[in-house]
Amino acid sequence: MKSDKRKRFEKVAENRVEKILDGLRLLGNCSNRNNYEFTKDDVDYMFDEIRRALKDTQSKFESEFVRNEQRKFKFK
């Protein structure tokens, strides 16, 4: 049986990931040169920022695993 925290995580995370994916699809629409003017530098800058934000967010999740894996001091 799933805990309330797990259920809440699944609901919130699914919605937020879907919004991010929708945003990326919309950003992809900007690649049409018939409608927009952009340079390679513009594209590189956009995707560098996206990668940085993705890496920062992933680090937050990974740090939770590391913190929880640290051994606690206990007398035997």
N, C-alpha and C. Protein backbone atom coordinates (compact mmCIF):
# COMPACT_ATOMS: atom_id res chain seq x y z
N MET A 1 0.84 -1.18 0.00
CA MET A 1 0.00 0.00 0.00
C MET A 1 0.88 1.24 0.00
N LYS A 2 0.58 2.17 -0.87
CA LYS A 2 1.38 3.38 -0.99
C LYS A 2 1.09 4.34 0.16
N SER A 3 2.14 4.98 0.63
CA SER A 3 1.97 5.98 1.68
C SER A 3 1.38 7.26 1.08
N ASP A 4 0.87 8.11 1.95
CA ASP A 4 0.33 9.39 1.50
C ASP A 4 1.40 10.25 0.86
N LYS A 5 2.63 10.20 1.43
CA LYS A 5 3.73 10.97 0.85
C LYS A 5 4.05 10.50 -0.56
N ARG A 6 4.03 9.19 -0.76
CA ARG A 6 4.32 8.62 -2.09
C ARG A 6 3.24 9.03 -3.08
N LYS A 7 2.00 8.92 -2.68
CA LYS A 7 0.88 9.31 -3.56
C LYS A 7 0.99 10.78 -3.94
N ARG A 8 1.30 11.62 -2.95
CA ARG A 8 1.42 13.05 -3.20
C ARG A 8 2.58 13.34 -4.14
N PHE A 9 3.73 12.65 -3.92
CA PHE A 9 4.88 12.83 -4.80
C PHE A 9 4.51 12.47 -6.24
N GLU A 10 3.88 11.31 -6.42
CA GLU A 10 3.53 10.87 -7.77
C GLU A 10 2.62 11.89 -8.46
N LYS A 11 1.63 12.37 -7.75
CA LYS A 11 0.68 13.32 -8.34
C LYS A 11 1.37 14.62 -8.71
N VAL A 12 2.13 15.18 -7.78
CA VAL A 12 2.78 16.46 -8.01
C VAL A 12 3.87 16.33 -9.07
N ALA A 13 4.72 15.30 -8.96
CA ALA A 13 5.83 15.13 -9.90
C ALA A 13 5.32 14.87 -11.32
N GLU A 14 4.29 14.05 -11.47
CA GLU A 14 3.73 13.79 -12.80
C GLU A 14 3.24 15.08 -13.45
N ASN A 15 2.51 15.88 -12.68
CA ASN A 15 2.00 17.14 -13.22
C ASN A 15 3.13 18.08 -13.61
N ARG A 16 4.15 18.18 -12.77
CA ARG A 16 5.25 19.10 -13.04
C ARG A 16 6.11 18.64 -14.21
N VAL A 17 6.36 17.34 -14.31
CA VAL A 17 7.13 16.83 -15.45
C VAL A 17 6.36 17.06 -16.74
N GLU A 18 5.06 16.83 -16.70
CA GLU A 18 4.25 17.04 -17.91
C GLU A 18 4.30 18.51 -18.35
N LYS A 19 4.26 19.44 -17.39
CA LYS A 19 4.37 20.87 -17.73
C LYS A 19 5.72 21.19 -18.36
N ILE A 20 6.77 20.60 -17.83
CA ILE A 20 8.11 20.82 -18.40
C ILE A 20 8.18 20.28 -19.82
N LEU A 21 7.66 19.07 -20.03
CA LEU A 21 7.68 18.47 -21.37
C LEU A 21 6.84 19.30 -22.34
N ASP A 22 5.70 19.79 -21.90
CA ASP A 22 4.87 20.66 -22.74
C ASP A 22 5.64 21.93 -23.10
N GLY A 23 6.33 22.50 -22.12
CA GLY A 23 7.12 23.70 -22.37
C GLY A 23 8.23 23.46 -23.38
N LEU A 24 8.86 22.29 -23.31
CA LEU A 24 9.90 21.96 -24.28
C LEU A 24 9.32 21.78 -25.68
N ARG A 25 8.14 21.17 -25.75
CA ARG A 25 7.48 21.04 -27.07
C ARG A 25 7.16 22.41 -27.64
N LEU A 26 6.68 23.31 -26.79
CA LEU A 26 6.38 24.67 -27.25
C LEU A 26 7.65 25.40 -27.67
N LEU A 27 8.73 25.22 -26.92
CA LEU A 27 10.00 25.83 -27.30
C LEU A 27 10.44 25.32 -28.67
N GLY A 28 10.22 24.03 -28.91
CA GLY A 28 10.56 23.45 -30.21
C GLY A 28 9.84 24.13 -31.36
N ASN A 29 8.65 24.66 -31.10
CA ASN A 29 7.92 25.39 -32.14
C ASN A 29 8.67 26.64 -32.58
N CYS A 30 9.52 27.17 -31.71
CA CYS A 30 10.30 28.36 -32.05
C CYS A 30 11.42 28.06 -33.05
N SER A 31 11.61 26.81 -33.40
CA SER A 31 12.68 26.44 -34.33
C SER A 31 12.30 26.68 -35.78
N ASN A 32 11.08 27.09 -36.04
CA ASN A 32 10.62 27.33 -37.40
C ASN A 32 11.17 28.68 -37.90
N ARG A 33 12.14 28.61 -38.80
CA ARG A 33 12.78 29.83 -39.31
C ARG A 33 11.84 30.67 -40.18
N ASN A 34 10.72 30.13 -40.60
CA ASN A 34 9.75 30.94 -41.33
C ASN A 34 9.07 31.95 -40.41
N ASN A 35 9.05 31.64 -39.11
CA ASN A 35 8.37 32.51 -38.15
C ASN A 35 9.32 33.24 -37.19
N TYR A 36 10.53 32.74 -37.02
CA TYR A 36 11.45 33.29 -36.02
C TYR A 36 12.85 33.45 -36.59
N GLU A 37 13.58 34.40 -36.04
CA GLU A 37 14.97 34.60 -36.41
C GLU A 37 15.82 34.36 -35.16
N PHE A 38 16.83 33.50 -35.29
CA PHE A 38 17.69 33.19 -34.14
C PHE A 38 19.04 32.75 -34.66
N THR A 39 20.03 32.80 -33.77
CA THR A 39 21.38 32.40 -34.12
C THR A 39 21.75 31.10 -33.40
N LYS A 40 22.86 30.52 -33.82
CA LYS A 40 23.37 29.34 -33.13
C LYS A 40 23.71 29.70 -31.69
N ASP A 41 24.24 30.89 -31.47
CA ASP A 41 24.55 31.33 -30.10
C ASP A 41 23.29 31.39 -29.24
N ASP A 42 22.17 31.85 -29.82
CA ASP A 42 20.90 31.89 -29.09
C ASP A 42 20.50 30.49 -28.65
N VAL A 43 20.59 29.56 -29.58
CA VAL A 43 20.20 28.17 -29.30
C VAL A 43 21.13 27.56 -28.25
N ASP A 44 22.42 27.77 -28.42
CA ASP A 44 23.38 27.23 -27.44
C ASP A 44 23.11 27.81 -26.06
N TYR A 45 22.84 29.11 -25.98
CA TYR A 45 22.58 29.75 -24.69
C TYR A 45 21.32 29.18 -24.03
N MET A 46 20.26 29.03 -24.81
CA MET A 46 19.01 28.46 -24.27
C MET A 46 19.24 27.07 -23.70
N PHE A 47 19.90 26.22 -24.46
CA PHE A 47 20.06 24.84 -24.02
C PHE A 47 21.11 24.69 -22.93
N ASP A 48 22.09 25.59 -22.89
CA ASP A 48 23.02 25.59 -21.75
C ASP A 48 22.27 25.89 -20.46
N GLU A 49 21.36 26.86 -20.51
CA GLU A 49 20.56 27.21 -19.33
C GLU A 49 19.63 26.07 -18.92
N ILE A 50 19.03 25.42 -19.90
CA ILE A 50 18.14 24.28 -19.61
C ILE A 50 18.94 23.15 -18.96
N ARG A 51 20.11 22.86 -19.53
CA ARG A 51 20.95 21.79 -18.95
C ARG A 51 21.40 22.14 -17.54
N ARG A 52 21.75 23.42 -17.29
CA ARG A 52 22.17 23.84 -15.96
C ARG A 52 21.04 23.66 -14.96
N ALA A 53 19.84 24.10 -15.33
CA ALA A 53 18.69 23.95 -14.42
C ALA A 53 18.37 22.48 -14.17
N LEU A 54 18.47 21.67 -15.20
CA LEU A 54 18.22 20.23 -15.05
C LEU A 54 19.26 19.60 -14.12
N LYS A 55 20.52 19.95 -14.31
CA LYS A 55 21.59 19.42 -13.47
C LYS A 55 21.40 19.84 -12.01
N ASP A 56 21.05 21.12 -11.79
CA ASP A 56 20.82 21.61 -10.43
C ASP A 56 19.68 20.86 -9.75
N THR A 57 18.61 20.65 -10.48
CA THR A 57 17.45 19.95 -9.92
C THR A 57 17.78 18.49 -9.64
N GLN A 58 18.48 17.84 -10.54
CA GLN A 58 18.87 16.44 -10.32
C GLN A 58 19.78 16.33 -9.11
N SER A 59 20.66 17.30 -8.92
CA SER A 59 21.57 17.29 -7.77
C SER A 59 20.80 17.34 -6.45
N LYS A 60 19.70 18.07 -6.43
CA LYS A 60 18.88 18.13 -5.22
C LYS A 60 18.34 16.75 -4.85
N PHE A 61 17.89 16.01 -5.84
CA PHE A 61 17.38 14.67 -5.59
C PHE A 61 18.51 13.74 -5.15
N GLU A 62 19.65 13.81 -5.85
CA GLU A 62 20.77 12.93 -5.53
C GLU A 62 21.33 13.22 -4.14
N SER A 63 21.33 14.47 -3.72
CA SER A 63 21.85 14.80 -2.40
C SER A 63 20.97 14.20 -1.30
N GLU A 64 19.69 14.00 -1.57
CA GLU A 64 18.80 13.34 -0.60
C GLU A 64 19.22 11.89 -0.39
N PHE A 65 19.64 11.21 -1.45
CA PHE A 65 20.09 9.82 -1.31
C PHE A 65 21.38 9.76 -0.50
N VAL A 66 22.30 10.66 -0.79
CA VAL A 66 23.58 10.68 -0.09
C VAL A 66 23.35 10.98 1.38
N ARG A 67 22.52 11.95 1.67
CA ARG A 67 22.27 12.33 3.06
C ARG A 67 21.64 11.17 3.83
N ASN A 68 20.72 10.46 3.19
CA ASN A 68 20.05 9.34 3.86
C ASN A 68 20.93 8.11 3.98
N GLU A 69 21.98 8.01 3.16
CA GLU A 69 22.88 6.86 3.20
C GLU A 69 23.98 7.04 4.23
N GLN A 70 24.20 8.26 4.68
CA GLN A 70 25.26 8.49 5.66
C GLN A 70 24.95 7.72 6.94
N ARG A 71 25.97 7.10 7.44
CA ARG A 71 25.79 6.30 8.65
C ARG A 71 25.66 7.21 9.85
N LYS A 72 24.83 6.83 10.73
CA LYS A 72 24.65 7.54 12.00
C LYS A 72 25.54 6.92 13.05
N PHE A 73 26.13 7.74 13.87
CA PHE A 73 26.97 7.25 14.95
C PHE A 73 26.10 6.67 16.05
N LYS A 74 26.43 5.46 16.48
CA LYS A 74 25.72 4.81 17.59
C LYS A 74 26.72 4.00 18.39
N PHE A 75 26.58 4.00 19.69
CA PHE A 75 27.38 3.13 20.53
C PHE A 75 26.81 1.72 20.42
N LYS A 76 27.69 0.75 20.47
CA LYS A 76 27.24 -0.64 20.38
C LYS A 76 26.96 -1.21 21.72
